[in-house]
């Protein structure tokens, strides 16, 4: 089945993949995203574009308390605002801010909504006790086509994040089958998703 009631929120990563002192990339539609975990274990999602020279923030560095851009070393605090400019002796703090994206971390999923800055109204993703998060699968096909192909799958609850006009990522929650070990079920579901990816991409 397809999860469709997230009201503009989409999964953009698995929580376990956002590690301290690293930067990760993701995307919703045509909006590139940078994800990072700070020194207080909070995950941030920003539009992946430095407001100074429009260089990707994901090319910079995560220092835990701030993110440093790669081009001129501008430092952005956890709230997205400039906290230091090296070229001006680190003392200047221009009133400039990155584009902050609302983020909600739930049951191992990082959800984001580019149209919002705060997660006050993020819908809940209920995960059943026996459901298992699968590794997300990129598919080079339109979101509606992928959703249609997954709508009747048994044992997998899918959330499809668009990453372009003809591309998306499939995030899923697998319900284990009592007749097989969970590891076998994961391999089977991943195999089916990979076959679906090949089929849709070859016909597009």
C-alpha atoms as a PDB file:
ATOM      1  CA  UNK A   1       0.000   0.000   0.000  1.00  0.00           C
ATOM      2  CA  UNK A   2       0.966   3.654  -0.419  1.00  0.00           C
ATOM      3  CA  UNK A   3       1.083   6.165   2.438  1.00  0.00           C
ATOM      4  CA  UNK A   4      -0.493   9.348   1.037  1.00  0.00           C
ATOM      5  CA  UNK A   5      -1.699  11.397   4.011  1.00  0.00           C
ATOM      6  CA  UNK A   6       1.525  13.208   4.912  1.00  0.00           C
ATOM      7  CA  UNK A   7       0.272  16.631   3.781  1.00  0.00           C
ATOM      8  CA  UNK A   8       3.367  17.822   1.930  1.00  0.00           C
ATOM      9  CA  UNK A   9       5.862  16.060   4.175  1.00  0.00           C
ATOM     10  CA  UNK A  10       8.240  13.532   2.623  1.00  0.00           C
ATOM     11  CA  UNK A  11      10.961  11.239   3.946  1.00  0.00           C
ATOM     12  CA  UNK A  12      14.372  12.480   2.840  1.00  0.00           C
ATOM     13  CA  UNK A  13      16.689  10.093   4.707  1.00  0.00           C
ATOM     14  CA  UNK A  14      16.905   7.352   7.276  1.00  0.00           C
ATOM     15  CA  UNK A  15      17.798   8.754  10.681  1.00  0.00           C
ATOM     16  CA  UNK A  16      20.688   6.326  11.095  1.00  0.00           C
ATOM     17  CA  UNK A  17      22.348   7.655   7.929  1.00  0.00           C
ATOM     18  CA  UNK A  18      22.720  11.208   9.292  1.00  0.00           C
ATOM     19  CA  UNK A  19      25.882  10.909  11.358  1.00  0.00           C
ATOM     20  CA  UNK A  20      27.780  13.521  13.418  1.00  0.00           C
ATOM     21  CA  UNK A  21      30.382  15.699  11.667  1.00  0.00           C
ATOM     22  CA  UNK A  22      29.182  14.640   8.222  1.00  0.00           C
ATOM     23  CA  UNK A  23      26.879  16.197   5.648  1.00  0.00           C
ATOM     24  CA  UNK A  24      24.285  14.338   3.587  1.00  0.00           C
ATOM     25  CA  UNK A  25      22.390  15.270   0.446  1.00  0.00           C
ATOM     26  CA  UNK A  26      18.792  14.635  -0.455  1.00  0.00           C
ATOM     27  CA  UNK A  27      16.063  16.200  -2.544  1.00  0.00           C
ATOM     28  CA  UNK A  28      12.348  16.914  -2.713  1.00  0.00           C
ATOM     29  CA  UNK A  29      11.187  17.702  -6.227  1.00  0.00           C
ATOM     30  CA  UNK A  30      13.607  20.247  -7.673  1.00  0.00           C
ATOM     31  CA  UNK A  31      14.821  21.408  -4.256  1.00  0.00           C
ATOM     32  CA  UNK A  32      18.271  20.101  -3.275  1.00  0.00           C
ATOM     33  CA  UNK A  33      18.703  19.553   0.460  1.00  0.00           C
ATOM     34  CA  UNK A  34      21.612  19.283   2.871  1.00  0.00           C
ATOM     35  CA  UNK A  35      21.121  17.312   6.085  1.00  0.00           C
ATOM     36  CA  UNK A  36      23.335  17.393   9.158  1.00  0.00           C
ATOM     37  CA  UNK A  37      23.343  16.299  12.785  1.00  0.00           C
ATOM     38  CA  UNK A  38      24.616  18.844  15.310  1.00  0.00           C
ATOM     39  CA  UNK A  39      26.550  18.387  18.562  1.00  0.00           C
ATOM     40  CA  UNK A  40      23.265  18.163  20.486  1.00  0.00           C
ATOM     41  CA  UNK A  41      22.096  15.257  18.315  1.00  0.00           C
ATOM     42  CA  UNK A  42      19.511  17.367  16.461  1.00  0.00           C
ATOM     43  CA  UNK A  43      19.041  16.866  12.721  1.00  0.00           C
ATOM     44  CA  UNK A  44      18.757  19.921  10.480  1.00  0.00           C
ATOM     45  CA  UNK A  45      17.518  20.149   6.888  1.00  0.00           C
ATOM     46  CA  UNK A  46      18.355  23.199   4.779  1.00  0.00           C
ATOM     47  CA  UNK A  47      18.111  24.076   1.118  1.00  0.00           C
ATOM     48  CA  UNK A  48      21.512  23.056  -0.254  1.00  0.00           C
ATOM     49  CA  UNK A  49      22.568  26.512  -1.381  1.00  0.00           C
ATOM     50  CA  UNK A  50      24.833  29.040   0.310  1.00  0.00           C
ATOM     51  CA  UNK A  51      23.133  32.486   0.347  1.00  0.00           C
ATOM     52  CA  UNK A  52      26.500  34.099  -0.372  1.00  0.00           C
ATOM     53  CA  UNK A  53      27.586  32.538  -3.679  1.00  0.00           C
ATOM     54  CA  UNK A  54      24.936  29.834  -4.200  1.00  0.00           C
ATOM     55  CA  UNK A  55      27.534  27.076  -3.808  1.00  0.00           C
ATOM     56  CA  UNK A  56      26.268  23.790  -2.375  1.00  0.00           C
ATOM     57  CA  UNK A  57      26.407  23.842   1.419  1.00  0.00           C
ATOM     58  CA  UNK A  58      26.864  20.070   1.305  1.00  0.00           C
ATOM     59  CA  UNK A  59      30.338  20.677  -0.127  1.00  0.00           C
ATOM     60  CA  UNK A  60      31.332  22.336   3.161  1.00  0.00           C
ATOM     61  CA  UNK A  61      32.000  20.905   6.618  1.00  0.00           C
ATOM     62  CA  UNK A  62      29.947  20.026   9.675  1.00  0.00           C
ATOM     63  CA  UNK A  63      31.624  21.153  12.902  1.00  0.00           C
ATOM     64  CA  UNK A  64      28.754  20.139  15.149  1.00  0.00           C
ATOM     65  CA  UNK A  65      27.936  23.622  16.447  1.00  0.00           C
ATOM     66  CA  UNK A  66      27.844  25.097  12.946  1.00  0.00           C
ATOM     67  CA  UNK A  67      28.160  24.338   9.247  1.00  0.00           C
ATOM     68  CA  UNK A  68      31.005  25.967   7.314  1.00  0.00           C
ATOM     69  CA  UNK A  69      30.660  26.766   3.612  1.00  0.00           C
ATOM     70  CA  UNK A  70      33.382  25.573   1.261  1.00  0.00           C
ATOM     71  CA  UNK A  71      33.819  28.734  -0.804  1.00  0.00           C
ATOM     72  CA  UNK A  72      34.551  31.598   1.614  1.00  0.00           C
ATOM     73  CA  UNK A  73      34.188  29.699   4.861  1.00  0.00           C
ATOM     74  CA  UNK A  74      31.042  31.421   6.060  1.00  0.00           C
ATOM     75  CA  UNK A  75      29.748  29.771   9.214  1.00  0.00           C
ATOM     76  CA  UNK A  76      26.058  29.136   9.751  1.00  0.00           C
ATOM     77  CA  UNK A  77      24.664  28.352  13.194  1.00  0.00           C
ATOM     78  CA  UNK A  78      22.017  25.796  14.018  1.00  0.00           C
ATOM     79  CA  UNK A  79      19.271  28.333  13.328  1.00  0.00           C
ATOM     80  CA  UNK A  80      20.655  28.879   9.823  1.00  0.00           C
ATOM     81  CA  UNK A  81      21.937  32.398  10.474  1.00  0.00           C
ATOM     82  CA  UNK A  82      25.456  33.578   9.685  1.00  0.00           C
ATOM     83  CA  UNK A  83      27.565  33.480  12.845  1.00  0.00           C
ATOM     84  CA  UNK A  84      31.016  34.267  11.415  1.00  0.00           C
ATOM     85  CA  UNK A  85      32.671  35.568   8.236  1.00  0.00           C
ATOM     86  CA  UNK A  86      36.406  34.691   8.041  1.00  0.00           C
ATOM     87  CA  UNK A  87      37.219  37.445   5.534  1.00  0.00           C
ATOM     88  CA  UNK A  88      36.075  40.002   8.094  1.00  0.00           C
ATOM     89  CA  UNK A  89      37.907  38.586  11.064  1.00  0.00           C
ATOM     90  CA  UNK A  90      35.078  36.300  12.181  1.00  0.00           C
ATOM     91  CA  UNK A  91      33.439  39.236  13.955  1.00  0.00           C
ATOM     92  CA  UNK A  92      30.981  40.346  11.262  1.00  0.00           C
ATOM     93  CA  UNK A  93      27.514  38.810  11.433  1.00  0.00           C
ATOM     94  CA  UNK A  94      25.485  40.001   8.443  1.00  0.00           C
ATOM     95  CA  UNK A  95      21.740  39.496   8.654  1.00  0.00           C
ATOM     96  CA  UNK A  96      21.783  36.570   6.248  1.00  0.00           C
ATOM     97  CA  UNK A  97      20.224  33.150   6.699  1.00  0.00           C
ATOM     98  CA  UNK A  98      20.120  29.904   4.777  1.00  0.00           C
ATOM     99  CA  UNK A  99      16.739  28.529   3.714  1.00  0.00           C
ATOM    100  CA  UNK A 100      15.688  26.393   6.660  1.00  0.00           C
ATOM    101  CA  UNK A 101      13.355  23.472   5.957  1.00  0.00           C
ATOM    102  CA  UNK A 102      10.971  22.027   8.536  1.00  0.00           C
ATOM    103  CA  UNK A 103      12.137  18.633   9.768  1.00  0.00           C
ATOM    104  CA  UNK A 104      10.506  15.925  11.863  1.00  0.00           C
ATOM    105  CA  UNK A 105      12.331  12.759  12.901  1.00  0.00           C
ATOM    106  CA  UNK A 106       9.963   9.866  13.513  1.00  0.00           C
ATOM    107  CA  UNK A 107      10.537   6.157  13.968  1.00  0.00           C
ATOM    108  CA  UNK A 108      13.821   6.174  12.083  1.00  0.00           C
ATOM    109  CA  UNK A 109      12.641   8.408   9.224  1.00  0.00           C
ATOM    110  CA  UNK A 110      13.703  12.010   8.598  1.00  0.00           C
ATOM    111  CA  UNK A 111      10.688  13.879   7.185  1.00  0.00           C
ATOM    112  CA  UNK A 112      10.951  17.330   5.608  1.00  0.00           C
ATOM    113  CA  UNK A 113       8.577  19.927   4.183  1.00  0.00           C
ATOM    114  CA  UNK A 114      10.157  22.697   2.049  1.00  0.00           C
ATOM    115  CA  UNK A 115       7.069  24.893   2.340  1.00  0.00           C
ATOM    116  CA  UNK A 116       7.445  25.178   6.113  1.00  0.00           C
ATOM    117  CA  UNK A 117      10.168  26.216   8.557  1.00  0.00           C
ATOM    118  CA  UNK A 118       8.864  24.506  11.693  1.00  0.00           C
ATOM    119  CA  UNK A 119       7.574  21.016  12.354  1.00  0.00           C
ATOM    120  CA  UNK A 120       4.686  21.959  14.630  1.00  0.00           C
ATOM    121  CA  UNK A 121       2.079  20.383  12.366  1.00  0.00           C
ATOM    122  CA  UNK A 122       4.030  17.425  11.030  1.00  0.00           C
ATOM    123  CA  UNK A 123       1.761  14.381  10.607  1.00  0.00           C
ATOM    124  CA  UNK A 124       2.611  11.251  12.529  1.00  0.00           C
ATOM    125  CA  UNK A 125       4.058   8.247  10.763  1.00  0.00           C
ATOM    126  CA  UNK A 126       2.847   5.343  12.839  1.00  0.00           C
ATOM    127  CA  UNK A 127       5.108   2.329  12.679  1.00  0.00           C
ATOM    128  CA  UNK A 128       3.721  -0.983  13.826  1.00  0.00           C
ATOM    129  CA  UNK A 129       5.764  -2.975  16.288  1.00  0.00           C
ATOM    130  CA  UNK A 130       6.770  -5.614  13.753  1.00  0.00           C
ATOM    131  CA  UNK A 131       7.386  -3.323  10.757  1.00  0.00           C
ATOM    132  CA  UNK A 132      10.953  -2.931   9.488  1.00  0.00           C
ATOM    133  CA  UNK A 133      12.375   0.066   7.631  1.00  0.00           C
ATOM    134  CA  UNK A 134      13.893  -0.901   4.308  1.00  0.00           C
ATOM    135  CA  UNK A 135      16.780   0.807   2.542  1.00  0.00           C
ATOM    136  CA  UNK A 136      15.288   3.499   0.226  1.00  0.00           C
ATOM    137  CA  UNK A 137      15.351   2.732  -3.493  1.00  0.00           C
ATOM    138  CA  UNK A 138      15.893   5.406  -6.197  1.00  0.00           C
ATOM    139  CA  UNK A 139      13.738   4.922  -9.290  1.00  0.00           C
ATOM    140  CA  UNK A 140      13.991   6.936 -12.502  1.00  0.00           C
ATOM    141  CA  UNK A 141      10.275   7.269 -13.164  1.00  0.00           C
ATOM    142  CA  UNK A 142       7.455   9.683 -12.329  1.00  0.00           C
ATOM    143  CA  UNK A 143       6.074   9.589  -8.814  1.00  0.00           C
ATOM    144  CA  UNK A 144       2.510   8.761  -9.876  1.00  0.00           C
ATOM    145  CA  UNK A 145       3.674   5.832 -12.006  1.00  0.00           C
ATOM    146  CA  UNK A 146       5.755   4.428  -9.158  1.00  0.00           C
ATOM    147  CA  UNK A 147       2.876   4.867  -6.705  1.00  0.00           C
ATOM    148  CA  UNK A 148       0.521   3.068  -9.077  1.00  0.00           C
ATOM    149  CA  UNK A 149       2.950   0.193  -9.418  1.00  0.00           C
ATOM    150  CA  UNK A 150       3.257  -0.177  -5.641  1.00  0.00           C
ATOM    151  CA  UNK A 151      -0.376   0.331  -4.672  1.00  0.00           C
ATOM    152  CA  UNK A 152      -1.275  -3.373  -4.516  1.00  0.00           C
ATOM    153  CA  UNK A 153       1.909  -4.714  -2.977  1.00  0.00           C
ATOM    154  CA  UNK A 154       1.353  -6.895   0.062  1.00  0.00           C
ATOM    155  CA  UNK A 155       3.664  -6.687   3.049  1.00  0.00           C
ATOM    156  CA  UNK A 156       5.117  -3.277   2.160  1.00  0.00           C
ATOM    157  CA  UNK A 157       3.859   0.166   3.127  1.00  0.00           C
ATOM    158  CA  UNK A 158       5.555   2.673   0.819  1.00  0.00           C
ATOM    159  CA  UNK A 159       6.144   6.426   0.915  1.00  0.00           C
ATOM    160  CA  UNK A 160       7.345   7.850  -2.404  1.00  0.00           C
ATOM    161  CA  UNK A 161       9.375  11.073  -2.392  1.00  0.00           C
ATOM    162  CA  UNK A 162       9.623  12.911  -5.745  1.00  0.00           C
ATOM    163  CA  UNK A 163      13.178  13.994  -6.571  1.00  0.00           C
ATOM    164  CA  UNK A 164      12.539  15.447 -10.026  1.00  0.00           C
ATOM    165  CA  UNK A 165      10.001  15.347 -12.833  1.00  0.00           C
ATOM    166  CA  UNK A 166      10.881  11.748 -13.637  1.00  0.00           C
ATOM    167  CA  UNK A 167      12.628  10.447 -10.547  1.00  0.00           C
ATOM    168  CA  UNK A 168      11.774   9.525  -6.972  1.00  0.00           C
ATOM    169  CA  UNK A 169      12.891   7.585  -3.920  1.00  0.00           C
ATOM    170  CA  UNK A 170      10.823   4.771  -2.441  1.00  0.00           C
ATOM    171  CA  UNK A 171      10.913   4.502   1.344  1.00  0.00           C
ATOM    172  CA  UNK A 172       9.175   1.524   2.834  1.00  0.00           C
ATOM    173  CA  UNK A 173       8.047  -0.324   5.933  1.00  0.00           C
ATOM    174  CA  UNK A 174       8.028  -4.083   5.530  1.00  0.00           C
ATOM    175  CA  UNK A 175       5.716  -6.358   7.486  1.00  0.00           C
ATOM    176  CA  UNK A 176       7.615  -9.622   8.062  1.00  0.00           C
ATOM    177  CA  UNK A 177       6.025 -12.847   6.888  1.00  0.00           C
ATOM    178  CA  UNK A 178       5.685 -15.442   9.622  1.00  0.00           C
ATOM    179  CA  UNK A 179       6.706 -18.110   7.109  1.00  0.00           C
ATOM    180  CA  UNK A 180      10.200 -16.696   6.508  1.00  0.00           C
ATOM    181  CA  UNK A 181      12.995 -14.985   8.477  1.00  0.00           C
ATOM    182  CA  UNK A 182      12.924 -11.171   8.370  1.00  0.00           C
ATOM    183  CA  UNK A 183      16.289 -11.123   6.578  1.00  0.00           C
ATOM    184  CA  UNK A 184      14.843 -13.230   3.765  1.00  0.00           C
ATOM    185  CA  UNK A 185      11.849 -10.927   3.569  1.00  0.00           C
ATOM    186  CA  UNK A 186      14.087  -7.876   3.231  1.00  0.00           C
ATOM    187  CA  UNK A 187      16.046  -9.519   0.417  1.00  0.00           C
ATOM    188  CA  UNK A 188      12.821 -10.486  -1.325  1.00  0.00           C
ATOM    189  CA  UNK A 189      11.314  -6.976  -1.070  1.00  0.00           C
ATOM    190  CA  UNK A 190      14.559  -5.322  -2.169  1.00  0.00           C
ATOM    191  CA  UNK A 191      14.750  -7.711  -5.098  1.00  0.00           C
ATOM    192  CA  UNK A 192      11.196  -6.884  -6.169  1.00  0.00           C
ATOM    193  CA  UNK A 193      11.877  -3.150  -5.866  1.00  0.00           C
ATOM    194  CA  UNK A 194      15.027  -3.503  -7.939  1.00  0.00           C
ATOM    195  CA  UNK A 195      13.114  -5.432 -10.608  1.00  0.00           C
ATOM    196  CA  UNK A 196      10.441  -2.712 -10.597  1.00  0.00           C
ATOM    197  CA  UNK A 197      13.114  -0.041 -10.953  1.00  0.00           C
ATOM    198  CA  UNK A 198      14.652  -1.778 -13.965  1.00  0.00           C
ATOM    199  CA  UNK A 199      11.251  -2.295 -15.588  1.00  0.00           C
ATOM    200  CA  UNK A 200      10.069   1.303 -15.153  1.00  0.00           C
ATOM    201  CA  UNK A 201      13.382   2.842 -16.172  1.00  0.00           C
ATOM    202  CA  UNK A 202      13.628   0.699 -19.306  1.00  0.00           C
ATOM    203  CA  UNK A 203      10.140   1.728 -20.411  1.00  0.00           C
ATOM    204  CA  UNK A 204      10.504   5.445 -19.718  1.00  0.00           C
END
